[in-house]
Amino acid sequence: MGISVNGIDIDDADIAQELPHHDGAGNPLKQAVHELVLRRLLQDEVERLGVQGGSLDDRIEALFAQEVRVPPADDAACRTFYAQRPQLFSSGALVEARHILFQVTPEAPLELLRTTAQAVLDALKLAPERFGELAAQYSNCPSGALGGNLGQLSPGQSVPEFDALLFRLEEGALAGHLLETRFGYHIVQVLRRVEGQAIAYEAVQAQIADRLSRAAWQRAVHQYLHLLVGRAEIAGVELEGTASPLVQ
């Protein structure tokens, strides 16, 4: 494929060996190539800085610990996060919801997928009683056979962006826009809500601080990878420094 990083070739055999690790990605080949490029960059940096350790993965972890520093989340940030997301910090909250998933795959052109999803949403705004019918026709989720019904969900059971929308919608409400997640585009409706009891801030402060610190660390690692990409000589592929399971 003619790919090299700082003069070191990444050949088809390397890619074939890496590819099985990315079966669940939207574009496994692209993800495998990006992973190999970033790993090569990190190996070069480990060697340049003389980072010691066992395996390459161990030395990459040591490199991150040495080069990527983030301050701990302070109390003010934790309190703001808590206040802005009451749905995440309640006990007993439930929603009954349904959705239609338009799954992103390498075979499905993204713009066509989004256009189709938007057309179905527009149709539902005019005739919401067709939700079950259109879910059965279009949804790439097994729930499509059940009219899109996902049953009862509590906070934290779905991916964060889906979770946030579910617990923001009023009972009976159809989301007025498409929701995009790593799985694709979703049309979402909440059928029923059961309000929960708020959990005291003091009981979840440590959990919030850990979550904010992890998010800050991940952003810092992404910036570090961008820096490495920007100063490297990479041929045969263009990539963003953030596109790597190394930091998920």
Protein backbone atom coordinates (compact mmCIF):
# COMPACT_ATOMS: atom_id res chain seq x y z
CA MET A 1 0.00 0.00 0.00
CA GLY A 2 3.08 2.30 0.04
CA ILE A 3 2.65 3.41 3.68
CA SER A 4 5.63 4.50 5.75
CA VAL A 5 6.24 6.28 9.05
CA ASN A 6 9.51 8.14 9.50
CA GLY A 7 11.04 5.97 6.78
CA ILE A 8 9.77 2.65 8.21
CA ASP A 9 7.41 0.75 5.90
CA ILE A 10 4.07 -0.66 7.00
CA ASP A 11 3.38 -3.48 4.58
CA ASP A 12 0.32 -5.53 3.64
CA ALA A 13 1.35 -8.35 5.98
CA ASP A 14 1.35 -5.95 8.95
CA ILE A 15 -2.10 -4.71 7.98
CA ALA A 16 -3.47 -8.23 7.49
CA GLN A 17 -2.25 -9.17 10.97
CA GLU A 18 -3.83 -6.09 12.56
CA LEU A 19 -7.12 -6.20 10.65
CA PRO A 20 -8.92 -8.88 12.74
CA HIS A 21 -8.65 -6.62 15.81
CA HIS A 22 -10.98 -4.07 14.18
CA ASP A 23 -13.88 -6.18 12.93
CA GLY A 24 -16.37 -4.01 14.82
CA ALA A 25 -15.13 -0.72 13.36
CA GLY A 26 -17.09 1.19 10.74
CA ASN A 27 -14.11 0.89 8.39
CA PRO A 28 -11.86 -1.95 9.65
CA LEU A 29 -9.11 -1.40 7.04
CA LYS A 30 -8.81 2.31 7.76
CA GLN A 31 -8.83 1.71 11.51
CA ALA A 32 -6.15 -0.99 11.25
CA VAL A 33 -3.88 1.27 9.19
CA HIS A 34 -4.36 4.18 11.60
CA GLU A 35 -3.58 1.95 14.57
CA LEU A 36 -0.36 0.69 12.99
CA VAL A 37 0.77 4.21 12.10
CA LEU A 38 0.12 5.54 15.59
CA ARG A 39 1.78 2.54 17.22
CA ARG A 40 4.84 3.10 15.03
CA LEU A 41 4.92 6.78 16.04
CA LEU A 42 4.67 5.86 19.71
CA GLN A 43 7.40 3.23 19.35
CA ASP A 44 9.67 5.84 17.77
CA GLU A 45 8.94 8.23 20.64
CA VAL A 46 9.56 5.54 23.26
CA GLU A 47 12.94 4.84 21.67
CA ARG A 48 13.80 8.53 21.24
CA LEU A 49 13.14 9.27 24.90
CA GLY A 50 14.67 6.04 26.15
CA VAL A 51 11.53 4.95 28.01
CA GLN A 52 12.23 1.71 29.85
CA GLY A 53 9.84 -1.16 30.58
CA GLY A 54 8.79 -4.62 29.50
CA SER A 55 6.65 -4.98 26.39
CA LEU A 56 6.01 -2.19 23.90
CA ASP A 57 2.53 -1.71 25.39
CA ASP A 58 4.10 -1.29 28.85
CA ARG A 59 6.54 1.29 27.51
CA ILE A 60 3.75 3.18 25.70
CA GLU A 61 1.83 3.36 28.99
CA ALA A 62 4.98 4.65 30.67
CA LEU A 63 5.39 7.20 27.86
CA PHE A 64 1.86 8.51 28.40
CA ALA A 65 2.44 8.68 32.15
CA GLN A 66 5.63 10.67 31.55
CA GLU A 67 4.46 13.01 28.80
CA VAL A 68 0.71 13.44 29.40
CA ARG A 69 -0.24 15.19 32.64
CA VAL A 70 -3.69 16.44 33.62
CA PRO A 71 -4.77 18.07 36.89
CA PRO A 72 -7.43 16.30 38.97
CA ALA A 73 -11.01 17.49 38.56
CA ASP A 74 -11.80 20.15 41.17
CA ASP A 75 -14.94 20.36 43.26
CA ALA A 76 -16.45 23.20 41.22
CA ALA A 77 -16.21 21.20 37.99
CA CYS A 78 -17.71 18.15 39.67
CA ARG A 79 -20.62 20.16 41.08
CA THR A 80 -21.31 21.70 37.66
CA PHE A 81 -21.33 18.27 36.01
CA TYR A 82 -23.70 16.98 38.73
CA ALA A 83 -26.08 19.94 38.38
CA GLN A 84 -26.24 19.76 34.59
CA ARG A 85 -26.97 16.01 34.42
CA PRO A 86 -29.57 15.17 37.07
CA GLN A 87 -30.76 12.21 35.01
CA LEU A 88 -27.43 10.46 35.63
CA PHE A 89 -27.64 10.81 39.38
CA SER A 90 -31.03 9.48 40.34
CA SER A 91 -32.13 6.15 41.74
CA GLY A 92 -35.04 4.28 40.23
CA ALA A 93 -35.41 6.41 37.07
CA LEU A 94 -36.70 4.47 34.07
CA VAL A 95 -37.81 5.19 30.54
CA GLU A 96 -39.59 2.94 28.09
CA ALA A 97 -38.30 3.84 24.65
CA ARG A 98 -38.13 2.79 21.04
CA HIS A 99 -35.81 3.67 18.21
CA ILE A 100 -35.03 3.10 14.55
CA LEU A 101 -31.34 2.51 13.83
CA PHE A 102 -29.73 3.35 10.50
CA GLN A 103 -26.42 1.55 10.97
CA VAL A 104 -23.21 2.97 9.51
CA THR A 105 -21.30 0.33 7.52
CA PRO A 106 -18.55 0.53 4.88
CA GLU A 107 -21.14 -0.48 2.27
CA ALA A 108 -23.62 2.30 3.17
CA PRO A 109 -22.73 5.78 1.81
CA LEU A 110 -22.96 8.08 4.84
CA GLU A 111 -24.83 10.90 3.10
CA LEU A 112 -27.41 8.53 1.63
CA LEU A 113 -27.89 6.91 5.04
CA ARG A 114 -28.46 10.25 6.71
CA THR A 115 -30.81 11.43 3.98
CA THR A 116 -32.88 8.25 4.33
CA ALA A 117 -32.97 8.56 8.12
CA GLN A 118 -34.07 12.20 7.89
CA ALA A 119 -36.81 11.31 5.42
CA VAL A 120 -38.16 8.62 7.79
CA LEU A 121 -38.05 11.08 10.71
CA ASP A 122 -39.93 13.68 8.66
CA ALA A 123 -42.58 11.06 7.82
CA LEU A 124 -42.95 10.19 11.52
CA LYS A 125 -43.41 13.83 12.47
CA LEU A 126 -46.45 13.83 10.20
CA ALA A 127 -47.70 10.35 11.17
CA PRO A 128 -46.16 9.17 14.47
CA GLU A 129 -48.48 6.16 14.52
CA ARG A 130 -46.31 4.64 11.75
CA PHE A 131 -43.30 4.21 14.07
CA GLY A 132 -43.67 0.42 14.43
CA GLU A 133 -44.21 -0.05 10.70
CA LEU A 134 -41.18 2.03 9.73
CA ALA A 135 -39.00 0.43 12.42
CA ALA A 136 -39.77 -2.99 10.98
CA GLN A 137 -38.97 -1.72 7.48
CA TYR A 138 -35.80 0.30 8.12
CA SER A 139 -34.18 -0.45 11.48
CA ASN A 140 -30.88 -2.33 11.53
CA CYS A 141 -31.43 -3.19 15.20
CA PRO A 142 -33.09 -6.49 16.24
CA SER A 143 -35.64 -4.35 18.07
CA GLY A 144 -37.05 -3.43 14.65
CA ALA A 145 -39.01 -6.69 14.73
CA LEU A 146 -40.67 -5.36 17.90
CA GLY A 147 -41.59 -2.03 16.42
CA GLY A 148 -38.30 -0.56 17.62
CA ASN A 149 -39.16 -1.15 21.29
CA LEU A 150 -36.12 -1.27 23.59
CA GLY A 151 -38.11 -1.99 26.75
CA GLN A 152 -37.35 -0.23 30.02
CA LEU A 153 -33.97 1.44 30.37
CA SER A 154 -32.27 2.96 33.40
CA PRO A 155 -29.47 5.56 33.31
CA GLY A 156 -26.15 4.14 32.12
CA GLN A 157 -27.57 1.22 30.14
CA SER A 158 -26.91 2.81 26.75
CA VAL A 159 -24.08 4.86 25.25
CA PRO A 160 -23.79 8.34 26.84
CA GLU A 161 -25.26 10.39 23.98
CA PHE A 162 -28.24 8.03 23.66
CA ASP A 163 -28.67 8.04 27.44
CA ALA A 164 -28.63 11.84 27.61
CA LEU A 165 -31.35 12.18 24.98
CA LEU A 166 -33.56 9.47 26.49
CA PHE A 167 -33.69 11.08 29.90
CA ARG A 168 -34.21 14.57 28.49
CA LEU A 169 -37.26 13.76 26.39
CA GLU A 170 -40.75 14.14 27.83
CA GLU A 171 -43.10 11.18 27.97
CA GLY A 172 -44.52 10.46 24.51
CA ALA A 173 -42.03 12.79 22.80
CA LEU A 174 -40.39 11.97 19.48
CA ALA A 175 -36.91 13.51 19.22
CA GLY A 176 -37.05 16.28 16.64
CA HIS A 177 -33.61 15.50 15.22
CA LEU A 178 -31.53 12.47 14.36
CA LEU A 179 -29.23 11.21 17.09
CA GLU A 180 -25.77 10.19 15.89
CA THR A 181 -23.78 7.58 17.85
CA ARG A 182 -20.93 5.28 16.90
CA PHE A 183 -23.59 2.77 15.77
CA GLY A 184 -25.21 5.11 13.26
CA TYR A 185 -28.23 7.42 13.15
CA HIS A 186 -31.17 6.90 15.48
CA ILE A 187 -34.76 8.08 15.53
CA VAL A 188 -35.81 8.04 19.19
CA GLN A 189 -39.12 8.20 21.02
CA VAL A 190 -39.81 7.94 24.75
CA LEU A 191 -43.07 6.14 25.46
CA ARG A 192 -43.12 6.30 29.25
CA ARG A 193 -41.09 7.83 32.07
CA VAL A 194 -40.68 6.92 35.72
CA GLU A 195 -38.93 9.69 37.64
CA GLY A 196 -36.25 8.64 40.13
CA GLN A 197 -35.02 10.03 43.42
CA ALA A 198 -31.96 12.29 43.32
CA ILE A 199 -28.72 10.84 44.70
CA ALA A 200 -26.82 13.23 46.99
CA TYR A 201 -23.79 14.92 45.43
CA GLU A 202 -21.52 13.67 48.21
CA ALA A 203 -22.37 10.06 47.31
CA VAL A 204 -21.23 10.45 43.69
CA GLN A 205 -18.50 13.12 43.93
CA ALA A 206 -15.65 10.59 43.64
CA GLN A 207 -17.32 8.90 40.66
CA ILE A 208 -17.77 12.25 38.91
CA ALA A 209 -14.17 13.31 39.61
CA ASP A 210 -12.91 10.03 38.14
CA ARG A 211 -15.08 10.45 35.05
CA LEU A 212 -13.94 14.03 34.45
CA SER A 213 -10.29 13.13 35.04
CA ARG A 214 -10.50 10.25 32.56
CA ALA A 215 -12.11 12.51 29.95
CA ALA A 216 -9.44 15.18 30.48
CA TRP A 217 -6.67 12.57 30.21
CA GLN A 218 -8.13 11.22 26.98
CA ARG A 219 -8.31 14.72 25.47
CA ALA A 220 -4.69 15.30 26.48
CA VAL A 221 -3.60 12.02 24.88
CA HIS A 222 -5.44 12.95 21.68
CA GLN A 223 -3.58 16.28 21.62
CA TYR A 224 -0.29 14.46 22.20
CA LEU A 225 -1.00 12.09 19.31
CA HIS A 226 -1.84 15.06 17.08
CA LEU A 227 1.54 16.54 18.01
CA LEU A 228 3.36 13.33 17.08
CA VAL A 229 1.45 13.05 13.80
CA GLY A 230 2.18 16.68 12.95
CA ARG A 231 5.93 16.38 13.29
CA ALA A 232 6.32 12.92 11.72
CA GLU A 233 7.02 12.01 8.10
CA ILE A 234 4.02 9.88 7.11
CA ALA A 235 3.55 8.70 3.54
CA GLY A 236 0.64 6.88 1.91
CA VAL A 237 -2.09 7.75 4.40
CA GLU A 238 -3.71 10.77 6.03
CA LEU A 239 -4.94 10.44 9.57
CA GLU A 240 -6.11 12.30 12.63
CA GLY A 241 -4.18 11.67 15.82
CA THR A 242 -7.43 10.90 17.68
CA ALA A 243 -8.40 7.87 15.62
CA SER A 244 -7.00 5.10 17.78
CA PRO A 245 -8.29 2.39 20.11
CA LEU A 246 -4.96 2.84 21.92
CA VAL A 247 -6.62 5.58 23.96
CA GLN A 248 -10.21 4.40 24.24
